[in-house]
Amino acid sequence: MEEKVDIVALGELLIDFTEAGHSQGGRKLFEQNPGGAPANLLTVASHFGYRTSFIGKVGNDMHGRFLKRTLQTEGINTDAIVEDPDYFTTLAFVEIGENGERNFSFARKPGADTQLKKEELDQTLISGCRIFHFGSLSLTDEPAESATIEAVKMAKAAGVLISYDPNYRPSLWKSKEYAVKKMKSVVELVDVMKVSDEESILLTGAKSYEQAAEEILAMGPKLVAITLGEHGVLMATKSRKEIIKAFQTHAVDTTGAGDSFWGGVLCSILSINKPVEKMEWEEIRKCAVLGNAVAGLCVQKRGGIPAIPMKEAVFEFMQK
C-alpha cells in the first residue's frame, strides 16, 4: 500500500514578480519568483522530508509550466494541478520597502487559480492525507470558492487535520466587510489556524492579540498562532497562551515569512504525531520555535519558494 501523503495544500500558485534593481535606463527590473502561500508552505514540508501534494490551477502558459517544474524540483507532487488553456497564470508584482515589507499589485481578472472547479478535485488525495491546508485567496471568487469549501468538507469527513491561513490581500476582495465575512465563514471547519497580527484584529475587532486569539478559538480551532513579525508569535489554546520570541535576524524580503513559519509548525505537529488537543504545552512551544527558525532564515533571502531553507540549515541556525 502506498504511503500516506503528509500534507496536501489547495490554493493559489502564482508568479511573484519581485523588484530586483534597475536597468541601465533607470527603470525597475522584476524577477520571476515562484510563489503562492500554500506552495511556500509545502516547500518547507518537502524540505523536511515530508510527502506533499498541491491542488490548484495554473494557465497552460510559460508561467504555469515554470511553476509546475519548480514544485517538482522541490519534491512536491503536481498530479492534482490543472493546466487551463482558457485562463492565464496569476501574476503578482511585489514592491519591497526598506524594511523588507511588501506592497502587492495583482494581475488576476480572473487568474487561473480562481477557476478550479469542484469536479476537478482529487477526493482520494484529500481524504487520504494527514493534514489538509488552505488559505483565503481561493475564497475570493467562484468557482474556486465552492471547490475549496468542498475540499475542506471532504477532509473533515475523513478525519484529516485541517489547517487554515487567511492571508488577507485587500485588492483581491470586493470590500473589507465582504472579505471578513468570507474569511470567517470557514473557521468553524478548521483545527489549527495561523493568522497575522493585523488579520487577527481584522477578523475579530478585538482590542488585543490575546483577546483576538480567544475569539478565534471560540469559533472552533483547537490551536491558533498569531504571528507578530520581529516579536515572534502568540500561540494559543483554550487553556493557555504564550508569546514565543522570534530569532533576531536581518529581513531582506518578508515574502513567505508567515508561510514558512506555519510550514515549520505543521512539520512539528507531524513529527509529534498526536492529536493537537492532547499536545503538551512544551510540544506546542517546540512547534513555534521551529516555525520561528524557518521564518528567520526565509526572510534573509529574496522571493517566496527560492528563500525557503533546507532542514539542515534550520537546525544549524537554531544551534547558534
Protein backbone atom coordinates (compact mmCIF):
# COMPACT_ATOMS: atom_id res chain seq x y z
CA MET A 1 0.00 0.00 0.00
CA GLU A 2 1.30 3.46 -0.90
CA GLU A 3 2.41 5.66 2.00
CA LYS A 4 0.06 8.49 3.03
CA VAL A 5 0.71 11.99 1.75
CA ASP A 6 1.61 14.08 4.81
CA ILE A 7 0.33 17.49 3.70
CA VAL A 8 -1.99 18.40 0.85
CA ALA A 9 -2.44 22.12 0.19
CA LEU A 10 -5.04 23.75 -2.05
CA GLY A 11 -4.95 27.30 -3.38
CA GLU A 12 -3.04 29.85 -5.40
CA LEU A 13 0.10 29.03 -7.33
CA LEU A 14 1.43 32.20 -8.94
CA ILE A 15 4.41 34.24 -10.04
CA ASP A 16 5.73 36.92 -7.70
CA PHE A 17 7.47 39.44 -9.94
CA THR A 18 9.72 40.90 -7.25
CA GLU A 19 11.67 44.16 -7.54
CA ALA A 20 15.27 43.36 -8.50
CA GLY A 21 17.14 46.61 -9.08
CA HIS A 22 17.04 48.92 -12.09
CA SER A 23 18.00 48.76 -15.74
CA GLN A 24 20.72 50.98 -17.22
CA GLY A 25 17.92 53.35 -18.22
CA GLY A 26 16.79 53.60 -14.57
CA ARG A 27 13.64 51.51 -14.95
CA LYS A 28 12.68 48.87 -12.36
CA LEU A 29 13.58 45.26 -13.08
CA PHE A 30 11.38 42.45 -11.77
CA GLU A 31 12.49 38.87 -11.04
CA GLN A 32 10.21 35.90 -11.84
CA ASN A 33 9.83 34.19 -8.44
CA PRO A 34 7.56 31.17 -7.97
CA GLY A 35 5.13 31.70 -5.12
CA GLY A 36 1.69 31.44 -3.61
CA ALA A 37 1.22 30.88 0.14
CA PRO A 38 0.15 27.18 0.02
CA ALA A 39 3.08 26.33 -2.28
CA ASN A 40 5.53 28.14 0.02
CA LEU A 41 4.25 26.09 2.96
CA LEU A 42 4.53 22.79 1.08
CA THR A 43 8.11 23.63 0.13
CA VAL A 44 9.01 23.79 3.84
CA ALA A 45 7.41 20.39 4.49
CA SER A 46 9.10 18.87 1.45
CA HIS A 47 12.49 20.22 2.60
CA PHE A 48 11.85 18.49 5.94
CA GLY A 49 11.31 15.16 4.20
CA TYR A 50 7.50 15.01 4.27
CA ARG A 51 5.38 13.82 1.35
CA THR A 52 3.46 16.75 -0.10
CA SER A 53 0.96 17.37 -2.87
CA PHE A 54 -0.53 20.55 -4.34
CA ILE A 55 -4.08 21.05 -5.65
CA GLY A 56 -4.74 24.07 -7.81
CA LYS A 57 -4.93 25.55 -11.30
CA VAL A 58 -2.43 27.39 -13.48
CA GLY A 59 -2.64 28.59 -17.06
CA ASN A 60 -1.35 26.47 -19.91
CA ASP A 61 1.35 29.08 -20.47
CA MET A 62 5.04 29.71 -19.81
CA HIS A 63 4.42 30.75 -16.19
CA GLY A 64 2.18 27.77 -15.39
CA ARG A 65 4.73 25.33 -16.79
CA PHE A 66 7.52 27.07 -14.87
CA LEU A 67 5.53 26.79 -11.62
CA LYS A 68 4.85 23.07 -12.08
CA ARG A 69 8.53 22.41 -12.82
CA THR A 70 9.52 24.41 -9.74
CA LEU A 71 7.25 22.37 -7.45
CA GLN A 72 8.50 19.13 -8.95
CA THR A 73 12.09 20.25 -8.34
CA GLU A 74 11.15 20.93 -4.70
CA GLY A 75 9.77 17.39 -4.36
CA ILE A 76 6.09 18.41 -4.32
CA ASN A 77 3.66 16.18 -6.22
CA THR A 78 1.88 18.10 -9.00
CA ASP A 79 -0.53 15.43 -10.31
CA ALA A 80 -3.52 17.42 -8.96
CA ILE A 81 -2.52 20.69 -10.67
CA VAL A 82 -4.78 21.51 -13.61
CA GLU A 83 -3.39 23.44 -16.60
CA ASP A 84 -6.19 25.55 -18.08
CA PRO A 85 -5.86 26.79 -21.69
CA ASP A 86 -8.55 29.47 -21.18
CA TYR A 87 -7.04 31.45 -18.27
CA PHE A 88 -3.62 32.99 -17.69
CA THR A 89 -1.50 32.07 -14.69
CA THR A 90 -2.00 34.60 -11.88
CA LEU A 91 0.78 37.19 -11.50
CA ALA A 92 1.68 39.38 -8.51
CA PHE A 93 4.04 42.35 -8.77
CA VAL A 94 5.84 42.93 -5.48
CA GLU A 95 7.31 46.25 -4.33
CA ILE A 96 9.68 45.88 -1.36
CA GLY A 97 10.20 48.64 1.20
CA GLU A 98 13.47 49.39 3.04
CA ASN A 99 12.27 47.29 5.99
CA GLY A 100 11.55 44.27 3.77
CA GLU A 101 7.75 44.77 3.89
CA ARG A 102 5.85 44.36 0.63
CA ASN A 103 3.21 46.07 -1.47
CA PHE A 104 1.30 43.87 -3.95
CA SER A 105 -0.28 44.54 -7.33
CA PHE A 106 -2.12 41.54 -8.83
CA ALA A 107 -2.89 40.55 -12.43
CA ARG A 108 -5.86 38.26 -11.66
CA LYS A 109 -9.01 39.29 -13.57
CA PRO A 110 -9.56 36.38 -13.43
CA GLY A 111 -6.38 34.39 -12.90
CA ALA A 112 -6.26 30.64 -13.47
CA ASP A 113 -6.08 29.94 -9.71
CA THR A 114 -9.64 31.28 -9.25
CA GLN A 115 -11.04 28.82 -11.82
CA LEU A 116 -10.55 25.50 -10.01
CA LYS A 117 -13.83 23.54 -10.09
CA LYS A 118 -15.31 21.03 -7.61
CA GLU A 119 -15.28 18.26 -10.21
CA GLU A 120 -11.52 18.74 -10.67
CA LEU A 121 -10.76 17.79 -7.04
CA ASP A 122 -8.98 14.53 -6.20
CA GLN A 123 -11.12 13.16 -3.37
CA THR A 124 -8.81 10.20 -2.70
CA LEU A 125 -5.86 12.55 -2.21
CA ILE A 126 -7.80 14.91 0.06
CA SER A 127 -9.37 12.18 2.20
CA GLY A 128 -6.16 10.17 2.50
CA CYS A 129 -3.67 12.80 3.70
CA ARG A 130 -2.60 13.61 7.29
CA ILE A 131 -3.00 17.42 7.05
CA PHE A 132 -5.12 19.42 4.59
CA HIS A 133 -4.11 23.09 4.34
CA PHE A 134 -5.80 26.00 2.58
CA GLY A 135 -5.90 29.80 2.60
CA SER A 136 -8.46 32.51 1.87
CA LEU A 137 -7.28 33.62 -1.59
CA SER A 138 -9.17 30.67 -3.07
CA LEU A 139 -12.35 32.05 -1.42
CA THR A 140 -12.33 35.38 -3.29
CA ASP A 141 -14.02 34.15 -6.49
CA GLU A 142 -16.12 31.36 -7.92
CA PRO A 143 -15.71 28.56 -8.89
CA ALA A 144 -12.61 28.25 -6.64
CA GLU A 145 -14.58 29.22 -3.52
CA SER A 146 -17.03 26.32 -3.89
CA ALA A 147 -14.18 23.94 -4.77
CA THR A 148 -12.25 24.99 -1.65
CA ILE A 149 -15.22 24.53 0.70
CA GLU A 150 -16.00 21.15 -0.89
CA ALA A 151 -12.38 20.06 -0.38
CA VAL A 152 -12.42 21.15 3.28
CA LYS A 153 -15.63 19.19 3.86
CA MET A 154 -14.11 16.10 2.21
CA ALA A 155 -11.09 16.35 4.53
CA LYS A 156 -13.32 16.94 7.56
CA ALA A 157 -15.45 13.90 6.80
CA ALA A 158 -12.29 11.78 6.57
CA GLY A 159 -10.97 12.97 9.95
CA VAL A 160 -7.99 14.80 8.41
CA LEU A 161 -6.36 17.61 10.45
CA ILE A 162 -7.42 20.87 8.77
CA SER A 163 -5.09 23.88 8.67
CA TYR A 164 -6.08 27.41 7.61
CA ASP A 165 -4.23 30.67 6.90
CA PRO A 166 -6.46 33.64 5.93
CA ASN A 167 -3.60 35.60 4.25
CA TYR A 168 -5.61 38.82 3.62
CA ARG A 169 -4.81 40.75 0.41
CA PRO A 170 -7.20 43.77 0.27
CA SER A 171 -7.02 44.35 -3.51
CA LEU A 172 -8.35 40.85 -4.26
CA TRP A 173 -11.66 41.34 -2.41
CA LYS A 174 -14.79 43.33 -3.31
CA SER A 175 -14.67 45.07 0.08
CA LYS A 176 -13.13 44.67 3.52
CA GLU A 177 -16.50 43.69 5.01
CA TYR A 178 -17.05 41.01 2.36
CA ALA A 179 -13.52 39.68 2.93
CA VAL A 180 -14.03 39.39 6.70
CA LYS A 181 -17.35 37.60 6.22
CA LYS A 182 -15.85 35.07 3.79
CA MET A 183 -12.63 34.53 5.76
CA LYS A 184 -14.59 33.89 8.96
CA SER A 185 -17.13 31.58 7.26
CA VAL A 186 -14.75 28.61 7.20
CA VAL A 187 -13.12 28.98 10.64
CA GLU A 188 -15.61 26.60 12.27
CA LEU A 189 -14.31 23.81 9.99
CA VAL A 190 -10.62 24.11 10.89
CA ASP A 191 -8.46 22.53 13.61
CA VAL A 192 -5.34 24.71 13.54
CA MET A 193 -5.09 28.27 12.25
CA LYS A 194 -2.33 30.78 11.59
CA VAL A 195 -3.18 34.46 11.30
CA SER A 196 -1.08 37.63 11.21
CA ASP A 197 -1.32 40.31 13.90
CA GLU A 198 -3.29 42.64 11.59
CA GLU A 199 -5.56 39.83 10.36
CA SER A 200 -6.41 38.77 13.91
CA ILE A 201 -7.75 42.26 14.67
CA LEU A 202 -9.47 42.50 11.28
CA LEU A 203 -11.34 39.21 11.83
CA THR A 204 -12.38 39.87 15.42
CA GLY A 205 -12.33 43.61 16.08
CA ALA A 206 -10.55 42.75 19.34
CA LYS A 207 -8.53 45.29 21.33
CA SER A 208 -5.56 42.96 21.91
CA TYR A 209 -3.98 39.91 20.28
CA GLU A 210 -4.79 37.81 23.35
CA GLN A 211 -8.46 38.75 23.06
CA ALA A 212 -8.36 38.08 19.31
CA ALA A 213 -6.91 34.61 19.97
CA GLU A 214 -9.72 33.86 22.44
CA GLU A 215 -12.39 34.94 19.96
CA ILE A 216 -10.91 32.84 17.15
CA LEU A 217 -10.60 29.80 19.42
CA ALA A 218 -14.27 30.24 20.33
CA MET A 219 -15.14 29.81 16.62
CA GLY A 220 -13.77 26.26 16.59
CA PRO A 221 -9.99 25.84 16.12
CA LYS A 222 -8.00 23.95 18.80
CA LEU A 223 -4.77 25.88 18.20
CA VAL A 224 -4.28 29.44 16.96
CA ALA A 225 -0.98 31.14 16.09
CA ILE A 226 -0.92 34.92 15.71
CA THR A 227 2.32 35.99 14.05
CA LEU A 228 3.82 39.20 15.44
CA GLY A 229 6.65 39.88 12.97
CA GLU A 230 10.01 40.51 14.63
CA HIS A 231 8.39 39.98 18.06
CA GLY A 232 7.61 36.31 17.39
CA VAL A 233 4.26 34.56 17.67
CA LEU A 234 1.39 34.28 20.11
CA MET A 235 0.49 30.59 20.45
CA ALA A 236 -2.93 29.99 21.96
CA THR A 237 -5.15 27.10 23.01
CA LYS A 238 -8.25 27.24 25.17
CA SER A 239 -6.12 26.51 28.25
CA ARG A 240 -3.01 28.65 27.67
CA LYS A 241 -1.42 31.49 25.69
CA GLU A 242 2.24 32.49 25.32
CA ILE A 243 4.36 34.71 23.07
CA ILE A 244 7.33 32.74 21.70
CA LYS A 245 10.11 35.15 20.73
CA ALA A 246 11.45 35.33 17.17
CA PHE A 247 15.08 34.72 16.25
CA GLN A 248 16.91 38.02 15.70
CA THR A 249 17.73 38.39 12.02
CA HIS A 250 18.01 40.98 9.24
CA ALA A 251 14.94 40.91 6.96
CA VAL A 252 15.72 41.40 3.26
CA ASP A 253 12.29 40.29 1.99
CA THR A 254 9.39 39.13 4.17
CA THR A 255 7.71 37.24 1.29
CA GLY A 256 6.82 33.76 2.56
CA ALA A 257 7.71 34.52 6.20
CA GLY A 258 4.30 33.56 7.58
CA ASP A 259 4.02 30.57 5.23
CA SER A 260 7.46 29.27 6.18
CA PHE A 261 6.67 29.77 9.89
CA TRP A 262 3.45 27.79 9.58
CA GLY A 263 5.16 25.14 7.47
CA GLY A 264 7.62 24.63 10.32
CA VAL A 265 4.76 24.38 12.83
CA LEU A 266 2.93 21.77 10.74
CA CYS A 267 6.15 19.75 10.34
CA SER A 268 6.49 19.72 14.14
CA ILE A 269 2.87 18.62 14.55
CA LEU A 270 3.53 15.75 12.13
CA SER A 271 6.67 14.69 14.00
CA ILE A 272 4.96 14.81 17.42
CA ASN A 273 2.22 12.67 15.88
CA LYS A 274 -0.60 13.08 18.39
CA PRO A 275 -3.94 14.91 18.32
CA VAL A 276 -3.43 18.68 18.72
CA GLU A 277 -5.73 18.83 21.73
CA LYS A 278 -3.54 16.22 23.50
CA MET A 279 -0.24 18.01 22.90
CA GLU A 280 1.67 19.23 25.97
CA TRP A 281 2.42 22.96 26.11
CA GLU A 282 6.14 22.25 25.77
CA GLU A 283 5.36 20.49 22.47
CA ILE A 284 3.35 23.48 21.25
CA ARG A 285 6.24 25.76 22.18
CA LYS A 286 8.60 23.44 20.25
CA CYS A 287 6.36 23.82 17.17
CA ALA A 288 6.58 27.62 17.43
CA VAL A 289 10.37 27.65 17.89
CA LEU A 290 10.88 25.55 14.77
CA GLY A 291 8.47 27.76 12.83
CA ASN A 292 10.27 30.89 14.01
CA ALA A 293 13.61 29.43 12.89
CA VAL A 294 12.35 28.58 9.40
CA ALA A 295 10.88 32.08 9.03
CA GLY A 296 14.04 33.68 10.44
CA LEU A 297 16.07 32.12 7.63
CA CYS A 298 13.44 32.70 4.93
CA VAL A 299 13.40 36.50 5.35
CA GLN A 300 17.15 36.69 4.78
CA LYS A 301 16.67 35.88 1.06
CA ARG A 302 14.51 37.29 -1.72
CA GLY A 303 11.35 35.65 -3.08
CA GLY A 304 8.95 33.00 -1.78
CA ILE A 305 9.88 29.43 -2.70
CA PRO A 306 13.54 30.29 -3.53
CA ALA A 307 14.03 31.63 0.01
CA ILE A 308 12.71 28.55 1.84
CA PRO A 309 15.65 26.99 3.76
CA MET A 310 16.64 23.32 3.89
CA LYS A 311 16.11 21.27 7.06
CA GLU A 312 19.84 21.07 7.88
CA ALA A 313 20.23 24.85 7.63
CA VAL A 314 17.28 25.36 10.01
CA PHE A 315 18.73 23.10 12.72
CA GLU A 316 22.15 24.71 12.31
CA PHE A 317 20.54 28.16 12.68
CA MET A 318 18.76 27.03 15.87
CA GLN A 319 22.07 25.98 17.43
CA LYS A 320 23.68 29.42 17.03
